[in-house]
Amino acid sequence: MTTQRDDQTSLPIPVTRDRPVVKCLDCKTPLTNRKSRLWGRGEKCRHDLTSAPSPGRFDVEQDELPDA
């Protein structure tokens, strides 16, 4: 029978006051808000990724499918 001392699930999770520093993948500045930390990129770098012009519509060349 396992006792509370032997049971690994009863061990406390260490709590730290300071979060680890996460830096932007592009410009290497420290990320401070939650959304930036989730993306791994700062506000400006995220905006640069989403503001790229779309390539536009074009016709795709492809061979016809054979009749089944």
PDB file of N, CA and C in Angstrom:
ATOM      1  N   MET A   1       0.848  -1.172   0.000  1.00  0.00           N
ATOM      2  CA  MET A   1       0.000   0.000   0.000  1.00  0.00           C
ATOM      3  C   MET A   1       0.895   1.238   0.000  1.00  0.00           C
ATOM      4  N   THR A   2       0.561   2.231  -0.811  1.00  0.00           N
ATOM      5  CA  THR A   2       1.391   3.436  -0.871  1.00  0.00           C
ATOM      6  C   THR A   2       0.924   4.447   0.157  1.00  0.00           C
ATOM      7  N   THR A   3       1.878   5.076   0.752  1.00  0.00           N
ATOM      8  CA  THR A   3       1.556   6.129   1.714  1.00  0.00           C
ATOM      9  C   THR A   3       1.600   7.473   1.010  1.00  0.00           C
ATOM     10  N   GLN A   4       1.201   8.513   1.715  1.00  0.00           N
ATOM     11  CA  GLN A   4       1.182   9.837   1.111  1.00  0.00           C
ATOM     12  C   GLN A   4       2.600  10.291   0.761  1.00  0.00           C
ATOM     13  N   ARG A   5       3.598   9.870   1.519  1.00  0.00           N
ATOM     14  CA  ARG A   5       4.977  10.247   1.218  1.00  0.00           C
ATOM     15  C   ARG A   5       5.469   9.577  -0.057  1.00  0.00           C
ATOM     16  N   ASP A   6       5.015   8.350  -0.330  1.00  0.00           N
ATOM     17  CA  ASP A   6       5.443   7.623  -1.521  1.00  0.00           C
ATOM     18  C   ASP A   6       4.679   8.050  -2.771  1.00  0.00           C
ATOM     19  N   ASP A   7       3.508   8.604  -2.599  1.00  0.00           N
ATOM     20  CA  ASP A   7       2.672   8.978  -3.724  1.00  0.00           C
ATOM     21  C   ASP A   7       3.229  10.250  -4.373  1.00  0.00           C
ATOM     22  N   GLN A   8       3.656  10.147  -5.632  1.00  0.00           N
ATOM     23  CA  GLN A   8       4.271  11.276  -6.319  1.00  0.00           C
ATOM     24  C   GLN A   8       3.271  12.369  -6.688  1.00  0.00           C
ATOM     25  N   THR A   9       1.980  12.037  -6.740  1.00  0.00           N
ATOM     26  CA  THR A   9       0.990  13.045  -7.121  1.00  0.00           C
ATOM     27  C   THR A   9       0.716  14.038  -6.012  1.00  0.00           C
ATOM     28  N   SER A  10       1.124  13.740  -4.792  1.00  0.00           N
ATOM     29  CA  SER A  10       0.857  14.657  -3.691  1.00  0.00           C
ATOM     30  C   SER A  10       1.967  15.680  -3.501  1.00  0.00           C
ATOM     31  N   LEU A  11       3.026  15.596  -4.317  1.00  0.00           N
ATOM     32  CA  LEU A  11       4.111  16.557  -4.175  1.00  0.00           C
ATOM     33  C   LEU A  11       3.657  17.932  -4.654  1.00  0.00           C
ATOM     34  N   PRO A  12       4.042  18.989  -3.954  1.00  0.00           N
ATOM     35  CA  PRO A  12       3.619  20.327  -4.374  1.00  0.00           C
ATOM     36  C   PRO A  12       4.331  20.769  -5.655  1.00  0.00           C
ATOM     37  N   ILE A  13       3.645  21.529  -6.462  1.00  0.00           N
ATOM     38  CA  ILE A  13       4.230  22.079  -7.681  1.00  0.00           C
ATOM     39  C   ILE A  13       4.992  23.341  -7.292  1.00  0.00           C
ATOM     40  N   PRO A  14       6.255  23.454  -7.672  1.00  0.00           N
ATOM     41  CA  PRO A  14       7.000  24.654  -7.299  1.00  0.00           C
ATOM     42  C   PRO A  14       6.408  25.892  -7.985  1.00  0.00           C
ATOM     43  N   VAL A  15       6.212  26.929  -7.215  1.00  0.00           N
ATOM     44  CA  VAL A  15       5.647  28.165  -7.733  1.00  0.00           C
ATOM     45  C   VAL A  15       6.745  29.214  -7.744  1.00  0.00           C
ATOM     46  N   THR A  16       6.946  29.822  -8.902  1.00  0.00           N
ATOM     47  CA  THR A  16       7.940  30.885  -9.002  1.00  0.00           C
ATOM     48  C   THR A  16       7.229  32.206  -9.214  1.00  0.00           C
ATOM     49  N   ARG A  17       7.794  33.259  -8.708  1.00  0.00           N
ATOM     50  CA  ARG A  17       7.170  34.576  -8.837  1.00  0.00           C
ATOM     51  C   ARG A  17       7.438  35.175 -10.203  1.00  0.00           C
ATOM     52  N   ASP A  18       8.594  34.905 -10.773  1.00  0.00           N
ATOM     53  CA  ASP A  18       8.969  35.502 -12.053  1.00  0.00           C
ATOM     54  C   ASP A  18       8.760  34.505 -13.181  1.00  0.00           C
ATOM     55  N   ARG A  19       8.110  34.991 -14.253  1.00  0.00           N
ATOM     56  CA  ARG A  19       7.970  34.138 -15.432  1.00  0.00           C
ATOM     57  C   ARG A  19       9.266  34.192 -16.227  1.00  0.00           C
ATOM     58  N   PRO A  20       9.588  33.134 -16.939  1.00  0.00           N
ATOM     59  CA  PRO A  20      10.807  33.173 -17.747  1.00  0.00           C
ATOM     60  C   PRO A  20      10.667  34.198 -18.874  1.00  0.00           C
ATOM     61  N   VAL A  21      11.771  34.791 -19.254  1.00  0.00           N
ATOM     62  CA  VAL A  21      11.767  35.798 -20.313  1.00  0.00           C
ATOM     63  C   VAL A  21      11.619  35.086 -21.653  1.00  0.00           C
ATOM     64  N   VAL A  22      10.639  35.522 -22.433  1.00  0.00           N
ATOM     65  CA  VAL A  22      10.425  34.989 -23.776  1.00  0.00           C
ATOM     66  C   VAL A  22      10.722  36.113 -24.745  1.00  0.00           C
ATOM     67  N   LYS A  23      11.566  35.834 -25.733  1.00  0.00           N
ATOM     68  CA  LYS A  23      11.943  36.867 -26.695  1.00  0.00           C
ATOM     69  C   LYS A  23      11.280  36.603 -28.030  1.00  0.00           C
ATOM     70  N   CYS A  24      11.052  37.686 -28.776  1.00  0.00           N
ATOM     71  CA  CYS A  24      10.446  37.595 -30.102  1.00  0.00           C
ATOM     72  C   CYS A  24      11.353  36.788 -31.021  1.00  0.00           C
ATOM     73  N   LEU A  25      10.752  35.933 -31.828  1.00  0.00           N
ATOM     74  CA  LEU A  25      11.528  35.100 -32.742  1.00  0.00           C
ATOM     75  C   LEU A  25      12.198  35.915 -33.832  1.00  0.00           C
ATOM     76  N   ASP A  26      11.635  37.093 -34.158  1.00  0.00           N
ATOM     77  CA  ASP A  26      12.185  37.912 -35.236  1.00  0.00           C
ATOM     78  C   ASP A  26      13.138  38.992 -34.734  1.00  0.00           C
ATOM     79  N   CYS A  27      12.643  39.864 -33.824  1.00  0.00           N
ATOM     80  CA  CYS A  27      13.444  41.027 -33.416  1.00  0.00           C
ATOM     81  C   CYS A  27      14.126  40.849 -32.067  1.00  0.00           C
ATOM     82  N   LYS A  28      13.886  39.755 -31.372  1.00  0.00           N
ATOM     83  CA  LYS A  28      14.538  39.395 -30.106  1.00  0.00           C
ATOM     84  C   LYS A  28      14.218  40.347 -28.948  1.00  0.00           C
ATOM     85  N   THR A  29      13.138  41.117 -29.012  1.00  0.00           N
ATOM     86  CA  THR A  29      12.741  41.945 -27.872  1.00  0.00           C
ATOM     87  C   THR A  29      11.940  41.090 -26.898  1.00  0.00           C
ATOM     88  N   PRO A  30      12.002  41.389 -25.599  1.00  0.00           N
ATOM     89  CA  PRO A  30      11.229  40.607 -24.625  1.00  0.00           C
ATOM     90  C   PRO A  30       9.727  40.791 -24.837  1.00  0.00           C
ATOM     91  N   LEU A  31       8.988  39.697 -24.761  1.00  0.00           N
ATOM     92  CA  LEU A  31       7.540  39.744 -24.951  1.00  0.00           C
ATOM     93  C   LEU A  31       6.871  39.902 -23.595  1.00  0.00           C
ATOM     94  N   THR A  32       5.903  40.826 -23.526  1.00  0.00           N
ATOM     95  CA  THR A  32       5.294  41.135 -22.235  1.00  0.00           C
ATOM     96  C   THR A  32       3.834  40.730 -22.129  1.00  0.00           C
ATOM     97  N   ASN A  33       3.071  40.776 -23.207  1.00  0.00           N
ATOM     98  CA  ASN A  33       1.652  40.441 -23.069  1.00  0.00           C
ATOM     99  C   ASN A  33       1.384  38.998 -23.482  1.00  0.00           C
ATOM    100  N   ARG A  34       0.219  38.502 -23.101  1.00  0.00           N
ATOM    101  CA  ARG A  34      -0.138  37.094 -23.288  1.00  0.00           C
ATOM    102  C   ARG A  34      -0.185  36.703 -24.763  1.00  0.00           C
ATOM    103  N   LYS A  35      -0.809  37.549 -25.588  1.00  0.00           N
ATOM    104  CA  LYS A  35      -0.955  37.219 -27.005  1.00  0.00           C
ATOM    105  C   LYS A  35       0.413  37.115 -27.692  1.00  0.00           C
ATOM    106  N   SER A  36       1.310  38.022 -27.354  1.00  0.00           N
ATOM    107  CA  SER A  36       2.651  37.976 -27.936  1.00  0.00           C
ATOM    108  C   SER A  36       3.390  36.722 -27.511  1.00  0.00           C
ATOM    109  N   ARG A  37       3.244  36.350 -26.238  1.00  0.00           N
ATOM    110  CA  ARG A  37       3.930  35.153 -25.744  1.00  0.00           C
ATOM    111  C   ARG A  37       3.376  33.891 -26.407  1.00  0.00           C
ATOM    112  N   LEU A  38       2.066  33.864 -26.698  1.00  0.00           N
ATOM    113  CA  LEU A  38       1.480  32.701 -27.371  1.00  0.00           C
ATOM    114  C   LEU A  38       1.985  32.590 -28.807  1.00  0.00           C
ATOM    115  N   TRP A  39       2.053  33.717 -29.512  1.00  0.00           N
ATOM    116  CA  TRP A  39       2.511  33.720 -30.899  1.00  0.00           C
ATOM    117  C   TRP A  39       4.017  33.559 -31.008  1.00  0.00           C
ATOM    118  N   GLY A  40       4.739  34.038 -29.972  1.00  0.00           N
ATOM    119  CA  GLY A  40       6.194  34.015 -30.042  1.00  0.00           C
ATOM    120  C   GLY A  40       6.742  35.199 -30.804  1.00  0.00           C
ATOM    121  N   ARG A  41       5.889  36.182 -31.080  1.00  0.00           N
ATOM    122  CA  ARG A  41       6.296  37.378 -31.825  1.00  0.00           C
ATOM    123  C   ARG A  41       5.671  38.604 -31.187  1.00  0.00           C
ATOM    124  N   GLY A  42       6.369  39.736 -31.265  1.00  0.00           N
ATOM    125  CA  GLY A  42       5.864  40.995 -30.731  1.00  0.00           C
ATOM    126  C   GLY A  42       4.736  41.554 -31.594  1.00  0.00           C
ATOM    127  N   GLU A  43       4.122  42.644 -31.104  1.00  0.00           N
ATOM    128  CA  GLU A  43       2.987  43.242 -31.817  1.00  0.00           C
ATOM    129  C   GLU A  43       3.373  43.662 -33.236  1.00  0.00           C
ATOM    130  N   LYS A  44       4.508  44.345 -33.385  1.00  0.00           N
ATOM    131  CA  LYS A  44       4.916  44.832 -34.701  1.00  0.00           C
ATOM    132  C   LYS A  44       5.237  43.674 -35.643  1.00  0.00           C
ATOM    133  N   CYS A  45       5.928  42.675 -35.156  1.00  0.00           N
ATOM    134  CA  CYS A  45       6.284  41.527 -35.997  1.00  0.00           C
ATOM    135  C   CYS A  45       5.034  40.746 -36.409  1.00  0.00           C
ATOM    136  N   ARG A  46       4.059  40.618 -35.488  1.00  0.00           N
ATOM    137  CA  ARG A  46       2.800  39.944 -35.832  1.00  0.00           C
ATOM    138  C   ARG A  46       2.050  40.734 -36.888  1.00  0.00           C
ATOM    139  N   HIS A  47       2.038  42.060 -36.749  1.00  0.00           N
ATOM    140  CA  HIS A  47       1.344  42.898 -37.727  1.00  0.00           C
ATOM    141  C   HIS A  47       2.004  42.766 -39.101  1.00  0.00           C
ATOM    142  N   ASP A  48       3.331  42.707 -39.132  1.00  0.00           N
ATOM    143  CA  ASP A  48       4.038  42.553 -40.403  1.00  0.00           C
ATOM    144  C   ASP A  48       3.691  41.228 -41.071  1.00  0.00           C
ATOM    145  N   LEU A  49       3.453  40.188 -40.276  1.00  0.00           N
ATOM    146  CA  LEU A  49       3.090  38.891 -40.853  1.00  0.00           C
ATOM    147  C   LEU A  49       1.697  38.919 -41.469  1.00  0.00           C
ATOM    148  N   THR A  50       0.751  39.596 -40.793  1.00  0.00           N
ATOM    149  CA  THR A  50      -0.629  39.568 -41.261  1.00  0.00           C
ATOM    150  C   THR A  50      -0.935  40.650 -42.277  1.00  0.00           C
ATOM    151  N   SER A  51      -0.047  41.636 -42.454  1.00  0.00           N
ATOM    152  CA  SER A  51      -0.346  42.723 -43.382  1.00  0.00           C
ATOM    153  C   SER A  51       0.277  42.520 -44.755  1.00  0.00           C
ATOM    154  N   ALA A  52       0.795  41.348 -45.027  1.00  0.00           N
ATOM    155  CA  ALA A  52       1.380  41.081 -46.342  1.00  0.00           C
ATOM    156  C   ALA A  52       0.284  41.100 -47.404  1.00  0.00           C
ATOM    157  N   PRO A  53       0.573  41.645 -48.578  1.00  0.00           N
ATOM    158  CA  PRO A  53      -0.448  41.673 -49.627  1.00  0.00           C
ATOM    159  C   PRO A  53      -0.775  40.264 -50.104  1.00  0.00           C
ATOM    160  N   SER A  54      -2.038  40.054 -50.436  1.00  0.00           N
ATOM    161  CA  SER A  54      -2.436  38.738 -50.929  1.00  0.00           C
ATOM    162  C   SER A  54      -1.962  38.582 -52.372  1.00  0.00           C
ATOM    163  N   PRO A  55      -1.623  37.373 -52.775  1.00  0.00           N
ATOM    164  CA  PRO A  55      -1.080  37.174 -54.120  1.00  0.00           C
ATOM    165  C   PRO A  55      -2.112  37.353 -55.221  1.00  0.00           C
ATOM    166  N   GLY A  56      -3.388  37.389 -54.892  1.00  0.00           N
ATOM    167  CA  GLY A  56      -4.409  37.558 -55.921  1.00  0.00           C
ATOM    168  C   GLY A  56      -4.871  36.219 -56.468  1.00  0.00           C
ATOM    169  N   ARG A  57      -5.850  36.263 -57.338  1.00  0.00           N
ATOM    170  CA  ARG A  57      -6.402  35.038 -57.908  1.00  0.00           C
ATOM    171  C   ARG A  57      -5.726  34.735 -59.226  1.00  0.00           C
ATOM    172  N   PHE A  58      -5.532  33.470 -59.498  1.00  0.00           N
ATOM    173  CA  PHE A  58      -4.919  33.050 -60.747  1.00  0.00           C
ATOM    174  C   PHE A  58      -5.447  31.671 -61.104  1.00  0.00           C
ATOM    175  N   ASP A  59      -5.395  31.354 -62.363  1.00  0.00           N
ATOM    176  CA  ASP A  59      -5.842  30.046 -62.826  1.00  0.00           C
ATOM    177  C   ASP A  59      -4.719  29.029 -62.643  1.00  0.00           C
ATOM    178  N   VAL A  60      -5.099  27.863 -62.184  1.00  0.00           N
ATOM    179  CA  VAL A  60      -4.138  26.799 -61.967  1.00  0.00           C
ATOM    180  C   VAL A  60      -4.141  25.895 -63.181  1.00  0.00           C
ATOM    181  N   GLU A  61      -2.948  25.623 -63.708  1.00  0.00           N
ATOM    182  CA  GLU A  61      -2.842  24.714 -64.850  1.00  0.00           C
ATOM    183  C   GLU A  61      -2.790  23.290 -64.313  1.00  0.00           C
ATOM    184  N   GLN A  62      -3.683  22.460 -64.819  1.00  0.00           N
ATOM    185  CA  GLN A  62      -3.651  21.065 -64.406  1.00  0.00           C
ATOM    186  C   GLN A  62      -4.209  20.194 -65.519  1.00  0.00           C
ATOM    187  N   ASP A  63      -3.760  18.941 -65.522  1.00  0.00           N
ATOM    188  CA  ASP A  63      -4.227  17.982 -66.528  1.00  0.00           C
ATOM    189  C   ASP A  63      -5.634  17.557 -66.182  1.00  0.00           C
ATOM    190  N   GLU A  64      -6.390  17.190 -67.238  1.00  0.00           N
ATOM    191  CA  GLU A  64      -7.734  16.709 -66.997  1.00  0.00           C
ATOM    192  C   GLU A  64      -7.698  15.340 -66.354  1.00  0.00           C
ATOM    193  N   LEU A  65      -8.685  15.057 -65.518  1.00  0.00           N
ATOM    194  CA  LEU A  65      -8.769  13.755 -64.873  1.00  0.00           C
ATOM    195  C   LEU A  65      -9.304  12.728 -65.872  1.00  0.00           C
ATOM    196  N   PRO A  66      -8.796  11.508 -65.867  1.00  0.00           N
ATOM    197  CA  PRO A  66      -9.299  10.497 -66.787  1.00  0.00           C
ATOM    198  C   PRO A  66     -10.712  10.064 -66.397  1.00  0.00           C
ATOM    199  N   ASP A  67     -11.493   9.662 -67.376  1.00  0.00           N
ATOM    200  CA  ASP A  67     -12.862   9.181 -67.107  1.00  0.00           C
ATOM    201  C   ASP A  67     -12.791   7.835 -66.392  1.00  0.00           C
ATOM    202  N   ALA A  68     -13.638   7.681 -65.419  1.00  0.00           N
ATOM    203  CA  ALA A  68     -13.615   6.435 -64.650  1.00  0.00           C
ATOM    204  C   ALA A  68     -14.609   5.444 -65.194  1.00  0.00           C
TER     205      ALA A  68
END
